Amino acid sequence: MKRNVLLGALTLLAGSLLAADSGLKEEVQSAAKLLGEKANYSWKINMEFGAGGPGRLAATEGKTQKGGFTTLTMPYGDNVLEAVMQEGKGVLNSAAGWQTFEEIAAGNASVPNPARSLARMLQNYKLPAGQAEDLLNKTKTLKKVEGAYQGEMTEAGATDLLTFRGPAGTGAGPSATNALGGVRFWLKDGLLIKYQVRVQGTVHFNGTDRAVDRTTTVEIKDVGATKITVPEAAKKKMPK
């Protein structure tokens, strides 16, 4: 009898924990969707690496208008690159001036071009609201810790963030082992205002192994007060 009572209590406890976890995920998901419905907003991306990495990188700045343009200003080596995107298409201001993502990605692979991999990445770029939902889908647990929604990622989710895909049809790209990941989300008045993801693991690429410990923090700002100015040269180059 006591054993049955104990099993029943454990079952109720497990059910309540699952319900709580589901409720927290719904809160974060709603906050991300609310951000995506806003007329405009800006964000800043800071990236830091652990021991053996390049340290802290200069911040990327982004702006978006619902139904309009999205702009990114990104440090890339010793340069700063600018991108303008709209409806899945975009242009990048590289050393050759404003070019479409397709033009840059299709360039001669034997000629070094630091913008090529960036252009390929931007072809599938998601705004912070969408990125946060993706991270939530890669999270297996979620709890509230010191005002933040904190979770542990699935191994598949962490592996996905540690690696990237090569050019279509090449099968190129790294693999990863011992992948771990954790996320945190901050909300205010039901709106997503910040999120952070840390991934760790060993990345294998071109016959070399590299330990990676990367923390990416995205801070949302100027919601409803963001204005975007797009250079005319970028507008003229935008794919129709």
Foldseek 3Di string as FASTA:
>chain_A
DVVVVVVVVVVVVVVVQVVVQVVVLVLLLQQLVVLVPFQKWKKKKWKAWDPPDPGTDDIKIWIDGVQDKIKIWADFPPDIKIKIDGPLWIWIQDPVGTATLVVLLPDDPVDDDSCNVVSVVSSPDDDPSVVSNLQSVQFDGWDDDPQKIKTWGDQVSQQPVVKDADPPPPRAIKGWPPKTKMKIWHDDPSHTFKMKMWIWTWIAHPRDIDTITMMMIMGMDCGNNDDDDDDPVRVVNIDD
